[in-house]
Amino acid sequence: MWTFVRRHLIAKLALVLLVTLALGFAVPAAINAHLQSQQMRRSGQAAAQSMAQGLTAGVRTAMLTGNGITARS
């Protein structure tokens, strides 16, 4: 096969075109997938942090009002 590519110019051009197209689609797709996974991780961390802050505020309010049973349950 490599002798065919080595001999014929059209085969060389086709090979270069196919490699260029493959890289042109694969590289941006990989970068996009990486950026999306980072964004999902950040979003999950932000949601967990806001939930923890809400729970902390609820417990603090229950303790300050003297209703310890609510904080324990």
PDB file of N, CA and C in Angstrom:
ATOM      1  N   MET A   1       0.826  -1.196   0.000  1.00  0.00           N
ATOM      2  CA  MET A   1       0.000   0.000   0.000  1.00  0.00           C
ATOM      3  C   MET A   1       0.868   1.255   0.000  1.00  0.00           C
ATOM      4  N   TRP A   2       1.942   1.250   0.807  1.00  0.00           N
ATOM      5  CA  TRP A   2       2.784   2.441   0.871  1.00  0.00           C
ATOM      6  C   TRP A   2       3.489   2.703  -0.450  1.00  0.00           C
ATOM      7  N   THR A   3       3.761   1.658  -1.202  1.00  0.00           N
ATOM      8  CA  THR A   3       4.380   1.887  -2.519  1.00  0.00           C
ATOM      9  C   THR A   3       3.392   2.582  -3.440  1.00  0.00           C
ATOM     10  N   PHE A   4       2.109   2.230  -3.319  1.00  0.00           N
ATOM     11  CA  PHE A   4       1.087   2.898  -4.126  1.00  0.00           C
ATOM     12  C   PHE A   4       1.013   4.376  -3.771  1.00  0.00           C
ATOM     13  N   VAL A   5       1.038   4.679  -2.485  1.00  0.00           N
ATOM     14  CA  VAL A   5       0.982   6.074  -2.043  1.00  0.00           C
ATOM     15  C   VAL A   5       2.241   6.805  -2.465  1.00  0.00           C
ATOM     16  N   ARG A   6       3.366   6.120  -2.382  1.00  0.00           N
ATOM     17  CA  ARG A   6       4.632   6.746  -2.741  1.00  0.00           C
ATOM     18  C   ARG A   6       4.695   7.084  -4.238  1.00  0.00           C
ATOM     19  N   ARG A   7       4.052   6.267  -5.057  1.00  0.00           N
ATOM     20  CA  ARG A   7       4.131   6.462  -6.512  1.00  0.00           C
ATOM     21  C   ARG A   7       3.131   7.485  -7.045  1.00  0.00           C
ATOM     22  N   HIS A   8       1.938   7.508  -6.498  1.00  0.00           N
ATOM     23  CA  HIS A   8       0.858   8.296  -7.104  1.00  0.00           C
ATOM     24  C   HIS A   8       0.586   9.566  -6.305  1.00  0.00           C
ATOM     25  N   LEU A   9       0.589  10.674  -7.015  1.00  0.00           N
ATOM     26  CA  LEU A   9       0.350  11.974  -6.391  1.00  0.00           C
ATOM     27  C   LEU A   9      -1.076  12.078  -5.848  1.00  0.00           C
ATOM     28  N   ILE A  10      -2.047  11.532  -6.570  1.00  0.00           N
ATOM     29  CA  ILE A  10      -3.442  11.615  -6.125  1.00  0.00           C
ATOM     30  C   ILE A  10      -3.633  10.870  -4.803  1.00  0.00           C
ATOM     31  N   ALA A  11      -2.908   9.777  -4.620  1.00  0.00           N
ATOM     32  CA  ALA A  11      -2.997   9.033  -3.364  1.00  0.00           C
ATOM     33  C   ALA A  11      -2.390   9.851  -2.226  1.00  0.00           C
ATOM     34  N   LYS A  12      -1.303  10.543  -2.500  1.00  0.00           N
ATOM     35  CA  LYS A  12      -0.691  11.400  -1.482  1.00  0.00           C
ATOM     36  C   LYS A  12      -1.644  12.518  -1.078  1.00  0.00           C
ATOM     37  N   LEU A  13      -2.240  13.150  -2.073  1.00  0.00           N
ATOM     38  CA  LEU A  13      -3.177  14.237  -1.791  1.00  0.00           C
ATOM     39  C   LEU A  13      -4.400  13.744  -1.016  1.00  0.00           C
ATOM     40  N   ALA A  14      -4.911  12.579  -1.412  1.00  0.00           N
ATOM     41  CA  ALA A  14      -6.072  12.020  -0.719  1.00  0.00           C
ATOM     42  C   ALA A  14      -5.726  11.682   0.726  1.00  0.00           C
ATOM     43  N   LEU A  15      -4.539  11.131   0.943  1.00  0.00           N
ATOM     44  CA  LEU A  15      -4.117  10.789   2.295  1.00  0.00           C
ATOM     45  C   LEU A  15      -3.960  12.038   3.162  1.00  0.00           C
ATOM     46  N   VAL A  16      -3.355  13.071   2.601  1.00  0.00           N
ATOM     47  CA  VAL A  16      -3.197  14.330   3.337  1.00  0.00           C
ATOM     48  C   VAL A  16      -4.563  14.941   3.640  1.00  0.00           C
ATOM     49  N   LEU A  17      -5.464  14.898   2.682  1.00  0.00           N
ATOM     50  CA  LEU A  17      -6.807  15.443   2.879  1.00  0.00           C
ATOM     51  C   LEU A  17      -7.561  14.684   3.966  1.00  0.00           C
ATOM     52  N   LEU A  18      -7.487  13.364   3.936  1.00  0.00           N
ATOM     53  CA  LEU A  18      -8.184  12.566   4.944  1.00  0.00           C
ATOM     54  C   LEU A  18      -7.618  12.795   6.346  1.00  0.00           C
ATOM     55  N   VAL A  19      -6.302  12.876   6.454  1.00  0.00           N
ATOM     56  CA  VAL A  19      -5.690  13.123   7.760  1.00  0.00           C
ATOM     57  C   VAL A  19      -6.068  14.512   8.267  1.00  0.00           C
ATOM     58  N   THR A  20      -6.062  15.494   7.376  1.00  0.00           N
ATOM     59  CA  THR A  20      -6.428  16.856   7.762  1.00  0.00           C
ATOM     60  C   THR A  20      -7.882  16.927   8.222  1.00  0.00           C
ATOM     61  N   LEU A  21      -8.774  16.273   7.496  1.00  0.00           N
ATOM     62  CA  LEU A  21     -10.180  16.262   7.895  1.00  0.00           C
ATOM     63  C   LEU A  21     -10.376  15.549   9.229  1.00  0.00           C
ATOM     64  N   ALA A  22      -9.702  14.435   9.406  1.00  0.00           N
ATOM     65  CA  ALA A  22      -9.836  13.686  10.659  1.00  0.00           C
ATOM     66  C   ALA A  22      -9.354  14.523  11.840  1.00  0.00           C
ATOM     67  N   LEU A  23      -8.208  15.156  11.691  1.00  0.00           N
ATOM     68  CA  LEU A  23      -7.701  16.003  12.771  1.00  0.00           C
ATOM     69  C   LEU A  23      -8.571  17.239  12.964  1.00  0.00           C
ATOM     70  N   GLY A  24      -9.088  17.777  11.869  1.00  0.00           N
ATOM     71  CA  GLY A  24      -9.932  18.964  11.948  1.00  0.00           C
ATOM     72  C   GLY A  24     -11.220  18.729  12.709  1.00  0.00           C
ATOM     73  N   PHE A  25     -11.715  17.504  12.679  1.00  0.00           N
ATOM     74  CA  PHE A  25     -12.923  17.193  13.442  1.00  0.00           C
ATOM     75  C   PHE A  25     -12.603  16.627  14.819  1.00  0.00           C
ATOM     76  N   ALA A  26     -11.534  15.871  14.938  1.00  0.00           N
ATOM     77  CA  ALA A  26     -11.224  15.188  16.198  1.00  0.00           C
ATOM     78  C   ALA A  26     -10.695  16.150  17.262  1.00  0.00           C
ATOM     79  N   VAL A  27      -9.817  17.050  16.881  1.00  0.00           N
ATOM     80  CA  VAL A  27      -9.207  17.951  17.867  1.00  0.00           C
ATOM     81  C   VAL A  27     -10.242  18.892  18.491  1.00  0.00           C
ATOM     82  N   PRO A  28     -11.065  19.591  17.712  1.00  0.00           N
ATOM     83  CA  PRO A  28     -12.084  20.440  18.355  1.00  0.00           C
ATOM     84  C   PRO A  28     -13.097  19.638  19.178  1.00  0.00           C
ATOM     85  N   ALA A  29     -13.431  18.428  18.729  1.00  0.00           N
ATOM     86  CA  ALA A  29     -14.361  17.603  19.507  1.00  0.00           C
ATOM     87  C   ALA A  29     -13.754  17.221  20.849  1.00  0.00           C
ATOM     88  N   ALA A  30     -12.481  16.887  20.864  1.00  0.00           N
ATOM     89  CA  ALA A  30     -11.809  16.534  22.121  1.00  0.00           C
ATOM     90  C   ALA A  30     -11.717  17.742  23.046  1.00  0.00           C
ATOM     91  N   ILE A  31     -11.401  18.892  22.493  1.00  0.00           N
ATOM     92  CA  ILE A  31     -11.320  20.114  23.305  1.00  0.00           C
ATOM     93  C   ILE A  31     -12.694  20.464  23.870  1.00  0.00           C
ATOM     94  N   ASN A  32     -13.723  20.338  23.049  1.00  0.00           N
ATOM     95  CA  ASN A  32     -15.084  20.631  23.490  1.00  0.00           C
ATOM     96  C   ASN A  32     -15.515  19.679  24.607  1.00  0.00           C
ATOM     97  N   ALA A  33     -15.208  18.404  24.468  1.00  0.00           N
ATOM     98  CA  ALA A  33     -15.563  17.434  25.506  1.00  0.00           C
ATOM     99  C   ALA A  33     -14.841  17.746  26.814  1.00  0.00           C
ATOM    100  N   HIS A  34     -13.593  18.140  26.720  1.00  0.00           N
ATOM    101  CA  HIS A  34     -12.828  18.486  27.922  1.00  0.00           C
ATOM    102  C   HIS A  34     -13.419  19.720  28.608  1.00  0.00           C
ATOM    103  N   LEU A  35     -13.758  20.735  27.835  1.00  0.00           N
ATOM    104  CA  LEU A  35     -14.341  21.949  28.412  1.00  0.00           C
ATOM    105  C   LEU A  35     -15.706  21.672  29.036  1.00  0.00           C
ATOM    106  N   GLN A  36     -16.495  20.817  28.391  1.00  0.00           N
ATOM    107  CA  GLN A  36     -17.802  20.479  28.952  1.00  0.00           C
ATOM    108  C   GLN A  36     -17.665  19.718  30.268  1.00  0.00           C
ATOM    109  N   SER A  37     -16.703  18.811  30.342  1.00  0.00           N
ATOM    110  CA  SER A  37     -16.529  18.064  31.591  1.00  0.00           C
ATOM    111  C   SER A  37     -16.057  18.988  32.715  1.00  0.00           C
ATOM    112  N   GLN A  38     -15.198  19.950  32.396  1.00  0.00           N
ATOM    113  CA  GLN A  38     -14.775  20.920  33.413  1.00  0.00           C
ATOM    114  C   GLN A  38     -15.961  21.754  33.897  1.00  0.00           C
ATOM    115  N   GLN A  39     -16.804  22.175  32.974  1.00  0.00           N
ATOM    116  CA  GLN A  39     -17.966  22.992  33.337  1.00  0.00           C
ATOM    117  C   GLN A  39     -18.948  22.195  34.189  1.00  0.00           C
ATOM    118  N   MET A  40     -19.153  20.925  33.860  1.00  0.00           N
ATOM    119  CA  MET A  40     -20.055  20.091  34.656  1.00  0.00           C
ATOM    120  C   MET A  40     -19.499  19.883  36.064  1.00  0.00           C
ATOM    121  N   ARG A  41     -18.183  19.726  36.178  1.00  0.00           N
ATOM    122  CA  ARG A  41     -17.568  19.564  37.493  1.00  0.00           C
ATOM    123  C   ARG A  41     -17.750  20.831  38.323  1.00  0.00           C
ATOM    124  N   ARG A  42     -17.519  21.989  37.698  1.00  0.00           N
ATOM    125  CA  ARG A  42     -17.701  23.263  38.405  1.00  0.00           C
ATOM    126  C   ARG A  42     -19.153  23.455  38.835  1.00  0.00           C
ATOM    127  N   SER A  43     -20.073  23.086  37.959  1.00  0.00           N
ATOM    128  CA  SER A  43     -21.493  23.228  38.268  1.00  0.00           C
ATOM    129  C   SER A  43     -21.884  22.324  39.435  1.00  0.00           C
ATOM    130  N   GLY A  44     -21.383  21.108  39.451  1.00  0.00           N
ATOM    131  CA  GLY A  44     -21.665  20.188  40.554  1.00  0.00           C
ATOM    132  C   GLY A  44     -21.093  20.683  41.864  1.00  0.00           C
ATOM    133  N   GLN A  45     -19.901  21.239  41.814  1.00  0.00           N
ATOM    134  CA  GLN A  45     -19.293  21.777  43.032  1.00  0.00           C
ATOM    135  C   GLN A  45     -20.080  22.972  43.554  1.00  0.00           C
ATOM    136  N   ALA A  46     -20.535  23.824  42.652  1.00  0.00           N
ATOM    137  CA  ALA A  46     -21.314  24.994  43.074  1.00  0.00           C
ATOM    138  C   ALA A  46     -22.643  24.560  43.689  1.00  0.00           C
ATOM    139  N   ALA A  47     -23.283  23.551  43.102  1.00  0.00           N
ATOM    140  CA  ALA A  47     -24.551  23.069  43.652  1.00  0.00           C
ATOM    141  C   ALA A  47     -24.346  22.453  45.031  1.00  0.00           C
ATOM    142  N   ALA A  48     -23.283  21.681  45.185  1.00  0.00           N
ATOM    143  CA  ALA A  48     -23.003  21.071  46.490  1.00  0.00           C
ATOM    144  C   ALA A  48     -22.689  22.134  47.533  1.00  0.00           C
ATOM    145  N   GLN A  49     -21.965  23.153  47.132  1.00  0.00           N
ATOM    146  CA  GLN A  49     -21.621  24.220  48.075  1.00  0.00           C
ATOM    147  C   GLN A  49     -22.866  24.994  48.512  1.00  0.00           C
ATOM    148  N   SER A  50     -23.755  25.291  47.573  1.00  0.00           N
ATOM    149  CA  SER A  50     -24.962  26.033  47.948  1.00  0.00           C
ATOM    150  C   SER A  50     -25.880  25.178  48.815  1.00  0.00           C
ATOM    151  N   MET A  51     -25.929  23.873  48.564  1.00  0.00           N
ATOM    152  CA  MET A  51     -26.742  23.007  49.408  1.00  0.00           C
ATOM    153  C   MET A  51     -26.162  22.939  50.824  1.00  0.00           C
ATOM    154  N   ALA A  52     -24.859  22.851  50.923  1.00  0.00           N
ATOM    155  CA  ALA A  52     -24.219  22.821  52.244  1.00  0.00           C
ATOM    156  C   ALA A  52     -24.452  24.129  52.993  1.00  0.00           C
ATOM    157  N   GLN A  53     -24.395  25.239  52.289  1.00  0.00           N
ATOM    158  CA  GLN A  53     -24.658  26.532  52.936  1.00  0.00           C
ATOM    159  C   GLN A  53     -26.103  26.619  53.415  1.00  0.00           C
ATOM    160  N   GLY A  54     -27.030  26.096  52.623  1.00  0.00           N
ATOM    161  CA  GLY A  54     -28.433  26.096  53.032  1.00  0.00           C
ATOM    162  C   GLY A  54     -28.676  25.243  54.261  1.00  0.00           C
ATOM    163  N   LEU A  55     -28.066  24.057  54.288  1.00  0.00           N
ATOM    164  CA  LEU A  55     -28.210  23.200  55.466  1.00  0.00           C
ATOM    165  C   LEU A  55     -27.589  23.838  56.699  1.00  0.00           C
ATOM    166  N   THR A  56     -26.436  24.453  56.517  1.00  0.00           N
ATOM    167  CA  THR A  56     -25.771  25.124  57.636  1.00  0.00           C
ATOM    168  C   THR A  56     -26.629  26.264  58.170  1.00  0.00           C
ATOM    169  N   ALA A  57     -27.220  27.030  57.271  1.00  0.00           N
ATOM    170  CA  ALA A  57     -28.076  28.140  57.699  1.00  0.00           C
ATOM    171  C   ALA A  57     -29.300  27.624  58.443  1.00  0.00           C
ATOM    172  N   GLY A  58     -29.873  26.517  57.984  1.00  0.00           N
ATOM    173  CA  GLY A  58     -31.034  25.949  58.668  1.00  0.00           C
ATOM    174  C   GLY A  58     -30.699  25.469  60.064  1.00  0.00           C
ATOM    175  N   VAL A  59     -29.575  24.789  60.204  1.00  0.00           N
ATOM    176  CA  VAL A  59     -29.163  24.312  61.527  1.00  0.00           C
ATOM    177  C   VAL A  59     -28.851  25.489  62.438  1.00  0.00           C
ATOM    178  N   ARG A  60     -28.172  26.487  61.913  1.00  0.00           N
ATOM    179  CA  ARG A  60     -27.832  27.666  62.713  1.00  0.00           C
ATOM    180  C   ARG A  60     -29.102  28.365  63.206  1.00  0.00           C
ATOM    181  N   THR A  61     -30.071  28.514  62.319  1.00  0.00           N
ATOM    182  CA  THR A  61     -31.325  29.165  62.700  1.00  0.00           C
ATOM    183  C   THR A  61     -32.049  28.362  63.773  1.00  0.00           C
ATOM    184  N   ALA A  62     -32.077  27.035  63.602  1.00  0.00           N
ATOM    185  CA  ALA A  62     -32.752  26.191  64.591  1.00  0.00           C
ATOM    186  C   ALA A  62     -32.059  26.269  65.940  1.00  0.00           C
ATOM    187  N   MET A  63     -30.750  26.311  65.934  1.00  0.00           N
ATOM    188  CA  MET A  63     -30.013  26.375  67.200  1.00  0.00           C
ATOM    189  C   MET A  63     -30.181  27.744  67.860  1.00  0.00           C
ATOM    190  N   LEU A  64     -30.193  28.811  67.070  1.00  0.00           N
ATOM    191  CA  LEU A  64     -30.336  30.149  67.643  1.00  0.00           C
ATOM    192  C   LEU A  64     -31.733  30.394  68.204  1.00  0.00           C
ATOM    193  N   THR A  65     -32.736  29.754  67.629  1.00  0.00           N
ATOM    194  CA  THR A  65     -34.094  29.917  68.149  1.00  0.00           C
ATOM    195  C   THR A  65     -34.355  29.009  69.338  1.00  0.00           C
ATOM    196  N   GLY A  66     -33.388  28.165  69.675  1.00  0.00           N
ATOM    197  CA  GLY A  66     -33.536  27.296  70.832  1.00  0.00           C
ATOM    198  C   GLY A  66     -34.305  26.030  70.542  1.00  0.00           C
ATOM    199  N   ASN A  67     -34.488  25.715  69.298  1.00  0.00           N
ATOM    200  CA  ASN A  67     -35.230  24.521  68.919  1.00  0.00           C
ATOM    201  C   ASN A  67     -34.227  23.442  68.495  1.00  0.00           C
ATOM    202  N   GLY A  68     -33.549  22.844  69.467  1.00  0.00           N
ATOM    203  CA  GLY A  68     -32.508  21.862  69.175  1.00  0.00           C
ATOM    204  C   GLY A  68     -33.035  20.573  68.587  1.00  0.00           C
ATOM    205  N   ILE A  69     -34.295  20.242  68.864  1.00  0.00           N
ATOM    206  CA  ILE A  69     -34.890  19.017  68.316  1.00  0.00           C
ATOM    207  C   ILE A  69     -34.928  19.098  66.792  1.00  0.00           C
ATOM    208  N   THR A  70     -35.236  20.254  66.264  1.00  0.00           N
ATOM    209  CA  THR A  70     -35.270  20.431  64.813  1.00  0.00           C
ATOM    210  C   THR A  70     -33.885  20.239  64.225  1.00  0.00           C
ATOM    211  N   ALA A  71     -32.874  20.720  64.890  1.00  0.00           N
ATOM    212  CA  ALA A  71     -31.513  20.597  64.383  1.00  0.00           C
ATOM    213  C   ALA A  71     -31.045  19.154  64.416  1.00  0.00           C
ATOM    214  N   ARG A  72     -31.520  18.368  65.386  1.00  0.00           N
ATOM    215  CA  ARG A  72     -31.090  16.974  65.497  1.00  0.00           C
ATOM    216  C   ARG A  72     -31.801  16.072  64.513  1.00  0.00           C
ATOM    217  N   SER A  73     -33.019  16.377  64.147  1.00  0.00           N
ATOM    218  CA  SER A  73     -33.794  15.485  63.279  1.00  0.00           C
ATOM    219  C   SER A  73     -33.601  15.757  61.822  1.00  0.00           C
TER     220      SER A  73
END
